[in-house]
Amino acid sequence: FGFMARVALAAEAMGHHPEWSNVWSTVVIDLTTHDTGGLSNLDKELA
């Protein structure tokens, strides 16, 4: 959850938000840019 909080702050600062899930100690993140219909520089930067 602490990791997710750090990611959330970075994502909000970029205005680019992940698709993600959390189950206990596992966080799964998928990044894509819906506005471009695929991967963009924002996904690479956020990763």
All heavy atoms as atom14 arrays in JSON, in Angstrom:
{
  "sequence": "FGFMARVALAAEAMGHHPEWSNVWSTVVIDLTTHDTGGLSNLDKELA",
  "atom14_mask": [
    [1, 1, 1, 1, 1, 1, 1, 1, 1, 1, 1, 0, 0, 0],
    [1, 1, 1, 1, 0, 0, 0, 0, 0, 0, 0, 0, 0, 0],
    [1, 1, 1, 1, 1, 1, 1, 1, 1, 1, 1, 0, 0, 0],
    [1, 1, 1, 1, 1, 1, 1, 1, 0, 0, 0, 0, 0, 0],
    [1, 1, 1, 1, 1, 0, 0, 0, 0, 0, 0, 0, 0, 0],
    [1, 1, 1, 1, 1, 1, 1, 1, 1, 1, 1, 0, 0, 0],
    [1, 1, 1, 1, 1, 1, 1, 0, 0, 0, 0, 0, 0, 0],
    [1, 1, 1, 1, 1, 0, 0, 0, 0, 0, 0, 0, 0, 0],
    [1, 1, 1, 1, 1, 1, 1, 1, 0, 0, 0, 0, 0, 0],
    [1, 1, 1, 1, 1, 0, 0, 0, 0, 0, 0, 0, 0, 0],
    [1, 1, 1, 1, 1, 0, 0, 0, 0, 0, 0, 0, 0, 0],
    [1, 1, 1, 1, 1, 1, 1, 1, 1, 0, 0, 0, 0, 0],
    [1, 1, 1, 1, 1, 0, 0, 0, 0, 0, 0, 0, 0, 0],
    [1, 1, 1, 1, 1, 1, 1, 1, 0, 0, 0, 0, 0, 0],
    [1, 1, 1, 1, 0, 0, 0, 0, 0, 0, 0, 0, 0, 0],
    [1, 1, 1, 1, 1, 1, 1, 1, 1, 1, 0, 0, 0, 0],
    [1, 1, 1, 1, 1, 1, 1, 1, 1, 1, 0, 0, 0, 0],
    [1, 1, 1, 1, 1, 1, 1, 0, 0, 0, 0, 0, 0, 0],
    [1, 1, 1, 1, 1, 1, 1, 1, 1, 0, 0, 0, 0, 0],
    [1, 1, 1, 1, 1, 1, 1, 1, 1, 1, 1, 1, 1, 1],
    [1, 1, 1, 1, 1, 1, 0, 0, 0, 0, 0, 0, 0, 0],
    [1, 1, 1, 1, 1, 1, 1, 1, 0, 0, 0, 0, 0, 0],
    [1, 1, 1, 1, 1, 1, 1, 0, 0, 0, 0, 0, 0, 0],
    [1, 1, 1, 1, 1, 1, 1, 1, 1, 1, 1, 1, 1, 1],
    [1, 1, 1, 1, 1, 1, 0, 0, 0, 0, 0, 0, 0, 0],
    [1, 1, 1, 1, 1, 1, 1, 0, 0, 0, 0, 0, 0, 0],
    [1, 1, 1, 1, 1, 1, 1, 0, 0, 0, 0, 0, 0, 0],
    [1, 1, 1, 1, 1, 1, 1, 0, 0, 0, 0, 0, 0, 0],
    [1, 1, 1, 1, 1, 1, 1, 1, 0, 0, 0, 0, 0, 0],
    [1, 1, 1, 1, 1, 1, 1, 1, 0, 0, 0, 0, 0, 0],
    [1, 1, 1, 1, 1, 1, 1, 1, 0, 0, 0, 0, 0, 0],
    [1, 1, 1, 1, 1, 1, 1, 0, 0, 0, 0, 0, 0, 0],
    [1, 1, 1, 1, 1, 1, 1, 0, 0, 0, 0, 0, 0, 0],
    [1, 1, 1, 1, 1, 1, 1, 1, 1, 1, 0, 0, 0, 0],
    [1, 1, 1, 1, 1, 1, 1, 1, 0, 0, 0, 0, 0, 0],
    [1, 1, 1, 1, 1, 1, 1, 0, 0, 0, 0, 0, 0, 0],
    [1, 1, 1, 1, 0, 0, 0, 0, 0, 0, 0, 0, 0, 0],
    [1, 1, 1, 1, 0, 0, 0, 0, 0, 0, 0, 0, 0, 0],
    [1, 1, 1, 1, 1, 1, 1, 1, 0, 0, 0, 0, 0, 0],
    [1, 1, 1, 1, 1, 1, 0, 0, 0, 0, 0, 0, 0, 0],
    [1, 1, 1, 1, 1, 1, 1, 1, 0, 0, 0, 0, 0, 0],
    [1, 1, 1, 1, 1, 1, 1, 1, 0, 0, 0, 0, 0, 0],
    [1, 1, 1, 1, 1, 1, 1, 1, 0, 0, 0, 0, 0, 0],
    [1, 1, 1, 1, 1, 1, 1, 1, 1, 0, 0, 0, 0, 0],
    [1, 1, 1, 1, 1, 1, 1, 1, 1, 0, 0, 0, 0, 0],
    [1, 1, 1, 1, 1, 1, 1, 1, 0, 0, 0, 0, 0, 0],
    [1, 1, 1, 1, 1, 0, 0, 0, 0, 0, 0, 0, 0, 0]
  ],
  "atom14_positions": [
    [[0.83, -1.2, 0.0], [0.0, 0.0, 0.0], [0.86, 1.26, 0.0], [0.54, 2.25, -0.67], [-0.95, -0.01, 1.2], [-2.03, 1.02, 1.08], [-3.17, 0.77, 0.35], [-1.9, 2.26, 1.7], [-4.17, 1.73, 0.23], [-2.89, 3.22, 1.58], [-4.03, 2.95, 0.85], [0.0, 0.0, 0.0], [0.0, 0.0, 0.0], [0.0, 0.0, 0.0]],
    [[1.97, 1.25, 0.73], [2.89, 2.38, 0.71], [3.45, 2.63, -0.67], [3.55, 3.77, -1.13], [0.0, 0.0, 0.0], [0.0, 0.0, 0.0], [0.0, 0.0, 0.0], [0.0, 0.0, 0.0], [0.0, 0.0, 0.0], [0.0, 0.0, 0.0], [0.0, 0.0, 0.0], [0.0, 0.0, 0.0], [0.0, 0.0, 0.0], [0.0, 0.0, 0.0]],
    [[3.8, 1.55, -1.37], [4.27, 1.64, -2.75], [3.19, 2.26, -3.63], [3.46, 3.16, -4.43], [4.66, 0.25, -3.24], [4.93, 0.15, -4.71], [6.11, 0.61, -5.25], [4.0, -0.43, -5.56], [6.37, 0.51, -6.62], [4.24, -0.54, -6.92], [5.43, -0.08, -7.45], [0.0, 0.0, 0.0], [0.0, 0.0, 0.0], [0.0, 0.0, 0.0]],
    [[1.95, 1.79, -3.47], [0.85, 2.32, -4.27], [0.64, 3.81, -4.01], [0.34, 4.57, -4.94], [-0.43, 1.54, -4.01], [-0.39, 0.12, -4.54], [-1.92, -0.8, -4.23], [-2.98, -0.07, -5.47], [0.0, 0.0, 0.0], [0.0, 0.0, 0.0], [0.0, 0.0, 0.0], [0.0, 0.0, 0.0], [0.0, 0.0, 0.0], [0.0, 0.0, 0.0]],
    [[0.82, 4.24, -2.78], [0.67, 5.66, -2.45], [1.73, 6.48, -3.18], [1.42, 7.56, -3.73], [0.76, 5.87, -0.95], [0.0, 0.0, 0.0], [0.0, 0.0, 0.0], [0.0, 0.0, 0.0], [0.0, 0.0, 0.0], [0.0, 0.0, 0.0], [0.0, 0.0, 0.0], [0.0, 0.0, 0.0], [0.0, 0.0, 0.0], [0.0, 0.0, 0.0]],
    [[2.97, 5.99, -3.21], [4.04, 6.72, -3.92], [3.74, 6.78, -5.42], [3.91, 7.82, -6.07], [5.39, 6.06, -3.65], [5.87, 6.27, -2.23], [7.29, 5.78, -1.98], [7.48, 4.36, -2.21], [7.19, 3.39, -1.34], [6.68, 3.7, -0.16], [7.41, 2.13, -1.64], [0.0, 0.0, 0.0], [0.0, 0.0, 0.0], [0.0, 0.0, 0.0]],
    [[3.27, 5.65, -5.98], [2.91, 5.62, -7.4], [1.76, 6.59, -7.67], [1.78, 7.33, -8.67], [2.54, 4.19, -7.86], [1.97, 4.2, -9.26], [3.76, 3.28, -7.77], [0.0, 0.0, 0.0], [0.0, 0.0, 0.0], [0.0, 0.0, 0.0], [0.0, 0.0, 0.0], [0.0, 0.0, 0.0], [0.0, 0.0, 0.0], [0.0, 0.0, 0.0]],
    [[0.77, 6.6, -6.8], [-0.39, 7.49, -6.99], [0.03, 8.95, -7.04], [-0.47, 9.71, -7.88], [-1.41, 7.26, -5.87], [0.0, 0.0, 0.0], [0.0, 0.0, 0.0], [0.0, 0.0, 0.0], [0.0, 0.0, 0.0], [0.0, 0.0, 0.0], [0.0, 0.0, 0.0], [0.0, 0.0, 0.0], [0.0, 0.0, 0.0], [0.0, 0.0, 0.0]],
    [[0.94, 9.35, -6.18], [1.4, 10.74, -6.17], [2.15, 11.08, -7.46], [1.96, 12.16, -8.04], [2.27, 11.01, -4.94], [1.52, 10.97, -3.61], [2.5, 11.06, -2.45], [0.47, 12.07, -3.53], [0.0, 0.0, 0.0], [0.0, 0.0, 0.0], [0.0, 0.0, 0.0], [0.0, 0.0, 0.0], [0.0, 0.0, 0.0], [0.0, 0.0, 0.0]],
    [[3.01, 10.17, -7.91], [3.74, 10.41, -9.17], [2.78, 10.47, -10.35], [2.9, 11.34, -11.23], [4.78, 9.31, -9.38], [0.0, 0.0, 0.0], [0.0, 0.0, 0.0], [0.0, 0.0, 0.0], [0.0, 0.0, 0.0], [0.0, 0.0, 0.0], [0.0, 0.0, 0.0], [0.0, 0.0, 0.0], [0.0, 0.0, 0.0], [0.0, 0.0, 0.0]],
    [[1.81, 9.55, -10.37], [0.84, 9.5, -11.47], [0.0, 10.78, -11.51], [-0.24, 11.35, -12.58], [-0.05, 8.27, -11.33], [0.0, 0.0, 0.0], [0.0, 0.0, 0.0], [0.0, 0.0, 0.0], [0.0, 0.0, 0.0], [0.0, 0.0, 0.0], [0.0, 0.0, 0.0], [0.0, 0.0, 0.0], [0.0, 0.0, 0.0], [0.0, 0.0, 0.0]],
    [[-0.42, 11.22, -10.34], [-1.24, 12.43, -10.28], [-0.44, 13.64, -10.74], [-0.96, 14.5, -11.46], [-1.76, 12.63, -8.85], [-2.73, 13.77, -8.71], [-4.05, 13.56, -9.46], [-4.38, 12.44, -9.87], [-4.76, 14.58, -9.64], [0.0, 0.0, 0.0], [0.0, 0.0, 0.0], [0.0, 0.0, 0.0], [0.0, 0.0, 0.0], [0.0, 0.0, 0.0]],
    [[0.83, 13.72, -10.36], [1.68, 14.83, -10.78], [1.85, 14.86, -12.3], [1.95, 15.93, -12.9], [3.04, 14.74, -10.1], [0.0, 0.0, 0.0], [0.0, 0.0, 0.0], [0.0, 0.0, 0.0], [0.0, 0.0, 0.0], [0.0, 0.0, 0.0], [0.0, 0.0, 0.0], [0.0, 0.0, 0.0], [0.0, 0.0, 0.0], [0.0, 0.0, 0.0]],
    [[1.86, 13.68, -12.92], [1.98, 13.59, -14.37], [0.64, 13.73, -15.08], [0.6, 13.95, -16.29], [2.57, 12.22, -14.77], [4.02, 12.03, -14.46], [4.58, 10.38, -14.99], [4.38, 10.49, -16.77], [0.0, 0.0, 0.0], [0.0, 0.0, 0.0], [0.0, 0.0, 0.0], [0.0, 0.0, 0.0], [0.0, 0.0, 0.0], [0.0, 0.0, 0.0]],
    [[-0.46, 13.55, -14.34], [-1.77, 13.53, -14.98], [-1.95, 12.29, -15.84], [-2.64, 12.29, -16.85], [0.0, 0.0, 0.0], [0.0, 0.0, 0.0], [0.0, 0.0, 0.0], [0.0, 0.0, 0.0], [0.0, 0.0, 0.0], [0.0, 0.0, 0.0], [0.0, 0.0, 0.0], [0.0, 0.0, 0.0], [0.0, 0.0, 0.0], [0.0, 0.0, 0.0]],
    [[-1.28, 11.19, -15.42], [-1.31, 9.94, -16.18], [-1.43, 8.79, -15.19], [-0.53, 8.59, -14.37], [-0.03, 9.81, -17.02], [-0.06, 8.66, -17.98], [-0.96, 8.6, -19.01], [0.7, 7.55, -18.05], [-0.74, 7.48, -19.68], [0.25, 6.83, -19.12], [0.0, 0.0, 0.0], [0.0, 0.0, 0.0], [0.0, 0.0, 0.0], [0.0, 0.0, 0.0]],
    [[-2.51, 8.06, -15.24], [-2.84, 7.13, -14.17], [-2.82, 5.67, -14.64], [-3.26, 5.38, -15.75], [-4.22, 7.49, -13.61], [-4.25, 8.91, -13.16], [-4.67, 9.93, -13.99], [-3.86, 9.5, -12.01], [-4.55, 11.09, -13.34], [-4.06, 10.85, -12.14], [0.0, 0.0, 0.0], [0.0, 0.0, 0.0], [0.0, 0.0, 0.0], [0.0, 0.0, 0.0]],
    [[-2.33, 4.78, -13.77], [-2.21, 3.38, -14.15], [-3.53, 2.62, -14.03], [-4.44, 3.02, -13.32], [-1.21, 2.83, -13.12], [-1.45, 3.67, -11.9], [-1.78, 5.04, -12.43], [0.0, 0.0, 0.0], [0.0, 0.0, 0.0], [0.0, 0.0, 0.0], [0.0, 0.0, 0.0], [0.0, 0.0, 0.0], [0.0, 0.0, 0.0], [0.0, 0.0, 0.0]],
    [[-3.57, 1.5, -14.72], [-4.58, 0.48, -14.46], [-3.86, -0.46, -13.5], [-2.77, -0.94, -13.8], [-4.94, -0.27, -15.74], [-5.59, 0.59, -16.79], [-5.85, -0.16, -18.09], [-5.58, -1.39, -18.17], [-6.27, 0.49, -19.05], [0.0, 0.0, 0.0], [0.0, 0.0, 0.0], [0.0, 0.0, 0.0], [0.0, 0.0, 0.0], [0.0, 0.0, 0.0]],
    [[-4.44, -0.68, -12.33], [-3.73, -1.51, -11.37], [-4.65, -2.25, -10.44], [-5.83, -1.95, -10.35], [-2.71, -0.7, -10.59], [-3.21, 0.5, -9.8], [-4.49, 0.97, -9.69], [-2.41, 1.36, -9.01], [-4.51, 2.08, -8.89], [-3.25, 2.35, -8.45], [-1.07, 1.41, -8.72], [-2.79, 3.35, -7.61], [-0.61, 2.43, -7.89], [-1.47, 3.38, -7.35]],
    [[-4.06, -3.25, -9.77], [-4.8, -4.0, -8.77], [-3.85, -4.36, -7.64], [-2.63, -4.37, -7.81], [-5.41, -5.27, -9.38], [-4.38, -6.16, -9.78], [0.0, 0.0, 0.0], [0.0, 0.0, 0.0], [0.0, 0.0, 0.0], [0.0, 0.0, 0.0], [0.0, 0.0, 0.0], [0.0, 0.0, 0.0], [0.0, 0.0, 0.0], [0.0, 0.0, 0.0]],
    [[-4.45, -4.62, -6.49], [-3.69, -5.01, -5.31], [-4.42, -6.14, -4.62], [-5.61, -6.05, -4.35], [-3.55, -3.81, -4.37], [-3.09, -4.21, -2.99], [-3.83, -4.03, -2.03], [-1.9, -4.75, -2.87], [0.0, 0.0, 0.0], [0.0, 0.0, 0.0], [0.0, 0.0, 0.0], [0.0, 0.0, 0.0], [0.0, 0.0, 0.0], [0.0, 0.0, 0.0]],
    [[-3.69, -7.21, -4.35], [-4.18, -8.3, -3.52], [-3.1, -8.56, -2.49], [-2.0, -8.99, -2.84], [-4.48, -9.58, -4.34], [-4.92, -10.71, -3.41], [-5.54, -9.31, -5.39], [0.0, 0.0, 0.0], [0.0, 0.0, 0.0], [0.0, 0.0, 0.0], [0.0, 0.0, 0.0], [0.0, 0.0, 0.0], [0.0, 0.0, 0.0], [0.0, 0.0, 0.0]],
    [[-3.38, -8.22, -1.28], [-2.51, -8.3, -0.11], [-1.13, -7.73, -0.41], [-0.95, -6.53, -0.35], [-2.46, -9.73, 0.45], [-1.82, -9.75, 1.81], [-2.28, -9.11, 2.93], [-0.6, -10.37, 2.19], [-1.42, -9.31, 3.99], [-0.37, -10.1, 3.55], [0.32, -11.15, 1.51], [0.73, -10.56, 4.25], [1.41, -11.62, 2.21], [1.6, -11.33, 3.56]],
    [[-0.14, -8.55, -0.75], [1.23, -8.06, -0.91], [1.65, -7.94, -2.38], [2.81, -7.68, -2.67], [2.21, -8.99, -0.18], [2.18, -10.28, -0.76], [0.0, 0.0, 0.0], [0.0, 0.0, 0.0], [0.0, 0.0, 0.0], [0.0, 0.0, 0.0], [0.0, 0.0, 0.0], [0.0, 0.0, 0.0], [0.0, 0.0, 0.0], [0.0, 0.0, 0.0]],
    [[0.71, -8.1, -3.29], [1.03, -8.04, -4.71], [0.3, -6.87, -5.37], [-0.9, -6.69, -5.17], [0.61, -9.36, -5.41], [1.3, -10.44, -4.78], [0.95, -9.34, -6.88], [0.0, 0.0, 0.0], [0.0, 0.0, 0.0], [0.0, 0.0, 0.0], [0.0, 0.0, 0.0], [0.0, 0.0, 0.0], [0.0, 0.0, 0.0], [0.0, 0.0, 0.0]],
    [[1.06, -6.11, -6.14], [0.5, -5.0, -6.92], [0.8, -5.29, -8.39], [1.94, -5.58, -8.75], [1.14, -3.65, -6.52], [0.61, -2.52, -7.4], [0.89, -3.36, -5.05], [0.0, 0.0, 0.0], [0.0, 0.0, 0.0], [0.0, 0.0, 0.0], [0.0, 0.0, 0.0], [0.0, 0.0, 0.0], [0.0, 0.0, 0.0], [0.0, 0.0, 0.0]],
    [[-0.23, -5.25, -9.22], [-0.08, -5.46, -10.66], [-0.42, -4.15, -11.35], [-1.47, -3.55, -11.08], [-1.0, -6.6, -11.17], [-0.88, -6.74, -12.68], [-0.67, -7.9, -10.46], [0.0, 0.0, 0.0], [0.0, 0.0, 0.0], [0.0, 0.0, 0.0], [0.0, 0.0, 0.0], [0.0, 0.0, 0.0], [0.0, 0.0, 0.0], [0.0, 0.0, 0.0]],
    [[0.49, -3.71, -12.23], [0.3, -2.44, -12.92], [0.35, -2.67, -14.43], [1.24, -3.34, -14.94], [1.39, -1.42, -12.52], [1.3, -1.11, -11.02], [1.27, -0.14, -13.36], [2.36, -0.15, -10.52], [0.0, 0.0, 0.0], [0.0, 0.0, 0.0], [0.0, 0.0, 0.0], [0.0, 0.0, 0.0], [0.0, 0.0, 0.0], [0.0, 0.0, 0.0]],
    [[-0.62, -2.08, -15.13], [-0.64, -2.03, -16.58], [-0.73, -0.56, -16.98], [-1.54, 0.18, -16.44], [-1.84, -2.79, -17.14], [-1.69, -4.29, -16.99], [-0.71, -4.83, -17.54], [-2.52, -4.9, -16.31], [0.0, 0.0, 0.0], [0.0, 0.0, 0.0], [0.0, 0.0, 0.0], [0.0, 0.0, 0.0], [0.0, 0.0, 0.0], [0.0, 0.0, 0.0]],
    [[0.12, -0.19, -17.92], [0.13, 1.19, -18.4], [-0.21, 1.23, -19.88], [0.3, 0.44, -20.67], [1.51, 1.82, -18.18], [2.01, 1.87, -16.74], [3.45, 2.36, -16.69], [1.11, 2.73, -15.88], [0.0, 0.0, 0.0], [0.0, 0.0, 0.0], [0.0, 0.0, 0.0], [0.0, 0.0, 0.0], [0.0, 0.0, 0.0], [0.0, 0.0, 0.0]],
    [[-1.08, 2.15, -20.23], [-1.43, 2.42, -21.61], [-1.98, 3.84, -21.66], [-2.34, 4.41, -20.63], [-2.47, 1.41, -22.15], [-2.63, 1.6, -23.56], [-3.81, 1.53, -21.46], [0.0, 0.0, 0.0], [0.0, 0.0, 0.0], [0.0, 0.0, 0.0], [0.0, 0.0, 0.0], [0.0, 0.0, 0.0], [0.0, 0.0, 0.0], [0.0, 0.0, 0.0]],
    [[-2.0, 4.42, -22.84], [-2.52, 5.78, -23.0], [-3.76, 5.72, -23.87], [-3.67, 5.52, -25.08], [-1.44, 6.7, -23.62], [-0.27, 6.65, -22.8], [-1.94, 8.14, -23.7], [0.0, 0.0, 0.0], [0.0, 0.0, 0.0], [0.0, 0.0, 0.0], [0.0, 0.0, 0.0], [0.0, 0.0, 0.0], [0.0, 0.0, 0.0], [0.0, 0.0, 0.0]],
    [[-4.91, 5.84, -23.24], [-6.17, 5.72, -23.96], [-6.31, 6.79, -25.04], [-6.86, 6.52, -26.11], [-7.34, 5.75, -22.99], [-7.3, 4.62, -22.01], [-7.64, 3.32, -22.34], [-6.9, 4.57, -20.71], [-7.48, 2.54, -21.3], [-7.03, 3.27, -20.29], [0.0, 0.0, 0.0], [0.0, 0.0, 0.0], [0.0, 0.0, 0.0], [0.0, 0.0, 0.0]],
    [[-5.78, 7.99, -24.78], [-5.89, 9.08, -25.76], [-5.17, 8.78, -27.07], [-5.55, 9.3, -28.11], [-5.34, 10.39, -25.19], [-6.2, 10.95, -24.07], [-7.36, 10.5, -23.91], [-5.71, 11.83, -23.35], [0.0, 0.0, 0.0], [0.0, 0.0, 0.0], [0.0, 0.0, 0.0], [0.0, 0.0, 0.0], [0.0, 0.0, 0.0], [0.0, 0.0, 0.0]],
    [[-4.1, 7.97, -27.0], [-3.34, 7.64, -28.21], [-3.68, 6.25, -28.74], [-3.16, 5.85, -29.77], [-1.82, 7.74, -27.98], [-1.43, 6.74, -27.04], [-1.41, 9.12, -27.51], [0.0, 0.0, 0.0], [0.0, 0.0, 0.0], [0.0, 0.0, 0.0], [0.0, 0.0, 0.0], [0.0, 0.0, 0.0], [0.0, 0.0, 0.0], [0.0, 0.0, 0.0]],
    [[-4.48, 5.51, -28.0], [-4.86, 4.18, -28.44], [-3.75, 3.14, -28.3], [-3.75, 2.13, -28.98], [0.0, 0.0, 0.0], [0.0, 0.0, 0.0], [0.0, 0.0, 0.0], [0.0, 0.0, 0.0], [0.0, 0.0, 0.0], [0.0, 0.0, 0.0], [0.0, 0.0, 0.0], [0.0, 0.0, 0.0], [0.0, 0.0, 0.0], [0.0, 0.0, 0.0]],
    [[-2.8, 3.39, -27.4], [-1.7, 2.44, -27.2], [-0.66, 3.02, -26.27], [-0.96, 3.89, -25.44], [0.0, 0.0, 0.0], [0.0, 0.0, 0.0], [0.0, 0.0, 0.0], [0.0, 0.0, 0.0], [0.0, 0.0, 0.0], [0.0, 0.0, 0.0], [0.0, 0.0, 0.0], [0.0, 0.0, 0.0], [0.0, 0.0, 0.0], [0.0, 0.0, 0.0]],
    [[0.55, 2.56, -26.42], [1.64, 3.01, -25.55], [2.19, 4.36, -26.01], [2.29, 4.63, -27.2], [2.74, 1.97, -25.52], [2.36, 0.67, -24.83], [3.4, -0.41, -25.07], [2.15, 0.91, -23.34], [0.0, 0.0, 0.0], [0.0, 0.0, 0.0], [0.0, 0.0, 0.0], [0.0, 0.0, 0.0], [0.0, 0.0, 0.0], [0.0, 0.0, 0.0]],
    [[2.53, 5.18, -25.02], [3.06, 6.51, -25.32], [4.27, 6.8, -24.44], [4.61, 6.02, -23.53], [1.99, 7.58, -25.08], [1.86, 7.86, -23.7], [0.0, 0.0, 0.0], [0.0, 0.0, 0.0], [0.0, 0.0, 0.0], [0.0, 0.0, 0.0], [0.0, 0.0, 0.0], [0.0, 0.0, 0.0], [0.0, 0.0, 0.0], [0.0, 0.0, 0.0]],
    [[4.86, 7.95, -24.68], [5.97, 8.43, -23.87], [5.58, 8.55, -22.4], [6.42, 8.36, -21.51], [6.48, 9.77, -24.4], [5.41, 10.85, -24.4], [4.25, 10.61, -24.79], [5.76, 12.05, -23.97], [0.0, 0.0, 0.0], [0.0, 0.0, 0.0], [0.0, 0.0, 0.0], [0.0, 0.0, 0.0], [0.0, 0.0, 0.0], [0.0, 0.0, 0.0]],
    [[4.32, 8.82, -22.11], [3.87, 8.94, -20.73], [3.94, 7.6, -20.01], [4.28, 7.54, -18.82], [2.44, 9.49, -20.68], [2.26, 10.91, -21.21], [0.79, 11.32, -21.11], [3.16, 11.9, -20.49], [0.0, 0.0, 0.0], [0.0, 0.0, 0.0], [0.0, 0.0, 0.0], [0.0, 0.0, 0.0], [0.0, 0.0, 0.0], [0.0, 0.0, 0.0]],
    [[3.62, 6.52, -20.71], [3.71, 5.19, -20.1], [5.16, 4.86, -19.77], [5.46, 4.37, -18.68], [3.13, 4.13, -21.04], [1.68, 4.43, -21.37], [0.88, 4.6, -20.43], [1.36, 4.51, -22.56], [0.0, 0.0, 0.0], [0.0, 0.0, 0.0], [0.0, 0.0, 0.0], [0.0, 0.0, 0.0], [0.0, 0.0, 0.0], [0.0, 0.0, 0.0]],
    [[6.05, 5.14, -20.69], [7.48, 4.88, -20.46], [7.99, 5.72, -19.3], [8.71, 5.22, -18.43], [8.28, 5.16, -21.73], [9.74, 4.8, -21.59], [10.49, 4.99, -22.89], [11.96, 4.64, -22.71], [12.72, 4.82, -23.95], [0.0, 0.0, 0.0], [0.0, 0.0, 0.0], [0.0, 0.0, 0.0], [0.0, 0.0, 0.0], [0.0, 0.0, 0.0]],
    [[7.63, 6.98, -19.26], [8.06, 7.87, -18.18], [7.53, 7.42, -16.82], [8.27, 7.36, -15.84], [7.59, 9.3, -18.47], [7.83, 10.29, -17.34], [9.29, 10.64, -17.11], [10.1, 10.46, -18.05], [9.63, 11.09, -16.0], [0.0, 0.0, 0.0], [0.0, 0.0, 0.0], [0.0, 0.0, 0.0], [0.0, 0.0, 0.0], [0.0, 0.0, 0.0]],
    [[6.25, 7.08, -16.75], [5.67, 6.64, -15.48], [6.29, 5.32, -15.03], [6.61, 5.15, -13.85], [4.15, 6.52, -15.57], [3.43, 6.14, -14.28], [3.79, 7.08, -13.13], [1.92, 6.12, -14.5], [0.0, 0.0, 0.0], [0.0, 0.0, 0.0], [0.0, 0.0, 0.0], [0.0, 0.0, 0.0], [0.0, 0.0, 0.0], [0.0, 0.0, 0.0]],
    [[6.51, 4.39, -15.95], [7.16, 3.12, -15.59], [8.55, 3.37, -15.02], [8.95, 2.74, -14.03], [7.23, 2.19, -16.8], [0.0, 0.0, 0.0], [0.0, 0.0, 0.0], [0.0, 0.0, 0.0], [0.0, 0.0, 0.0], [0.0, 0.0, 0.0], [0.0, 0.0, 0.0], [0.0, 0.0, 0.0], [0.0, 0.0, 0.0], [0.0, 0.0, 0.0]]
  ]
}
